[in-house]
């Protein structure tokens, strides 16, 4: 089965490949127009889908994501979003960036390191990210 569009807006595109239990999130250029609450709403579309569908890997192309320096959003991602992602059974989370940076997820609240089993990796090449989540 081919990929299907789960969510589409002027700011992000979310596709799912149910056969591979994989989700692809792409931030679009216009996402810079969003405020903090709107960013969270876009990100919550990922949670809405992973809550009800078997997804074990996510690739986020964040090259157009303009909120990396926003501590409020990053805190929400680390302490609300990522714990739910783990709870929903995601095992691999690939983030495509322009340049590799120190992990922004280092301080995310983690119930039990050994058992949650999520791997978060950064890539500068979308094809490498794809290969990694499928490996």
Protein backbone atom coordinates (compact mmCIF):
# COMPACT_ATOMS: atom_id res chain seq x y z
CA UNK A 1 0.00 0.00 0.00
CA UNK A 2 1.32 3.42 -0.91
CA UNK A 3 1.64 6.31 1.46
CA UNK A 4 -1.46 8.27 2.40
CA UNK A 5 -1.82 11.86 3.55
CA UNK A 6 -2.84 12.05 7.21
CA UNK A 7 -2.72 15.85 7.55
CA UNK A 8 -2.03 18.66 5.15
CA UNK A 9 -1.92 22.38 5.87
CA UNK A 10 0.04 25.35 4.51
CA UNK A 11 2.53 24.64 7.35
CA UNK A 12 3.10 20.89 7.43
CA UNK A 13 2.43 17.68 5.55
CA UNK A 14 2.06 14.36 7.36
CA UNK A 15 2.01 11.09 5.45
CA UNK A 16 1.72 7.55 6.69
CA UNK A 17 2.86 4.29 5.17
CA UNK A 18 0.76 1.76 7.09
CA UNK A 19 2.49 -1.28 5.58
CA UNK A 20 5.82 -0.05 6.98
CA UNK A 21 4.28 1.43 10.17
CA UNK A 22 6.05 4.63 9.22
CA UNK A 23 5.07 8.29 9.34
CA UNK A 24 6.70 11.16 7.45
CA UNK A 25 6.35 14.73 8.66
CA UNK A 26 7.51 17.67 6.55
CA UNK A 27 7.56 21.23 7.82
CA UNK A 28 6.83 23.68 5.02
CA UNK A 29 8.22 27.20 4.43
CA UNK A 30 5.07 28.91 5.67
CA UNK A 31 5.40 27.39 9.16
CA UNK A 32 7.35 30.51 10.10
CA UNK A 33 3.94 32.28 10.16
CA UNK A 34 2.73 30.18 13.12
CA UNK A 35 2.62 31.23 16.75
CA UNK A 36 3.49 28.86 19.64
CA UNK A 37 -0.03 27.49 20.08
CA UNK A 38 -0.43 26.91 16.35
CA UNK A 39 2.90 25.05 16.22
CA UNK A 40 1.72 22.76 19.02
CA UNK A 41 -1.56 22.13 17.14
CA UNK A 42 0.40 21.10 14.03
CA UNK A 43 2.62 18.80 16.11
CA UNK A 44 -0.42 17.32 17.88
CA UNK A 45 -1.65 16.03 14.49
CA UNK A 46 1.20 13.50 14.78
CA UNK A 47 -0.03 12.37 18.21
CA UNK A 48 -3.64 12.18 17.01
CA UNK A 49 -2.64 9.74 14.29
CA UNK A 50 -0.14 7.64 16.29
CA UNK A 51 -2.71 7.23 19.08
CA UNK A 52 -5.05 5.25 16.83
CA UNK A 53 -2.74 3.63 14.26
CA UNK A 54 0.26 1.32 14.53
CA UNK A 55 3.31 3.48 13.83
CA UNK A 56 6.78 2.43 14.94
CA UNK A 57 8.96 5.00 13.14
CA UNK A 58 8.70 8.69 12.31
CA UNK A 59 10.84 10.84 10.02
CA UNK A 60 10.52 14.59 10.56
CA UNK A 61 11.99 16.84 7.90
CA UNK A 62 12.57 19.89 10.06
CA UNK A 63 14.69 21.87 7.64
CA UNK A 64 11.90 24.47 7.36
CA UNK A 65 10.98 24.28 11.07
CA UNK A 66 11.70 27.78 12.43
CA UNK A 67 11.19 27.23 16.18
CA UNK A 68 14.41 25.50 17.27
CA UNK A 69 15.40 28.34 19.57
CA UNK A 70 11.97 28.54 21.21
CA UNK A 71 12.35 27.24 24.78
CA UNK A 72 8.60 27.14 25.47
CA UNK A 73 7.89 24.90 22.49
CA UNK A 74 10.99 22.80 23.09
CA UNK A 75 10.01 22.23 26.73
CA UNK A 76 6.53 21.16 25.59
CA UNK A 77 8.06 18.78 23.00
CA UNK A 78 10.43 17.27 25.57
CA UNK A 79 7.96 16.90 28.44
CA UNK A 80 4.57 16.41 26.72
CA UNK A 81 5.05 15.34 23.11
CA UNK A 82 8.00 12.91 23.34
CA UNK A 83 6.62 10.97 26.35
CA UNK A 84 3.37 10.47 24.41
CA UNK A 85 5.32 9.41 21.30
CA UNK A 86 7.04 6.77 23.43
CA UNK A 87 3.71 5.74 24.96
CA UNK A 88 2.30 5.30 21.43
CA UNK A 89 5.02 2.75 20.65
CA UNK A 90 7.35 4.73 18.42
CA UNK A 91 10.77 3.01 18.34
CA UNK A 92 12.70 5.20 15.91
CA UNK A 93 12.46 8.96 15.45
CA UNK A 94 14.60 10.50 12.72
CA UNK A 95 14.97 14.26 12.40
CA UNK A 96 16.31 15.77 9.17
CA UNK A 97 18.18 19.05 9.79
CA UNK A 98 20.47 21.28 7.72
CA UNK A 99 23.38 20.77 10.12
CA UNK A 100 23.84 18.29 12.90
CA UNK A 101 23.41 19.92 16.29
CA UNK A 102 23.56 18.89 19.92
CA UNK A 103 20.41 16.92 20.71
CA UNK A 104 17.57 19.16 21.83
CA UNK A 105 15.86 16.11 23.33
CA UNK A 106 18.54 15.51 25.96
CA UNK A 107 16.42 16.87 28.79
CA UNK A 108 13.13 15.22 27.84
CA UNK A 109 11.32 13.53 30.72
CA UNK A 110 12.01 9.86 30.50
CA UNK A 111 10.22 7.39 32.74
CA UNK A 112 12.63 4.51 32.25
CA UNK A 113 15.60 4.80 29.92
CA UNK A 114 16.19 1.10 29.51
CA UNK A 115 12.64 0.15 28.62
CA UNK A 116 11.24 2.90 26.45
CA UNK A 117 13.49 1.80 23.60
CA UNK A 118 13.09 4.91 21.45
CA UNK A 119 16.05 5.91 19.32
CA UNK A 120 16.29 9.53 18.20
CA UNK A 121 18.79 10.34 15.45
CA UNK A 122 19.60 13.45 13.43
CA UNK A 123 20.34 13.36 9.71
CA UNK A 124 21.25 15.93 7.10
CA UNK A 125 20.16 13.61 4.27
CA UNK A 126 16.46 12.54 4.05
CA UNK A 127 17.38 9.30 2.24
CA UNK A 128 19.74 8.32 5.08
CA UNK A 129 16.97 9.01 7.61
CA UNK A 130 14.62 6.81 5.58
CA UNK A 131 17.16 3.98 5.42
CA UNK A 132 17.80 4.21 9.15
CA UNK A 133 14.15 3.96 10.20
CA UNK A 134 13.64 1.02 7.86
CA UNK A 135 16.71 -0.85 9.10
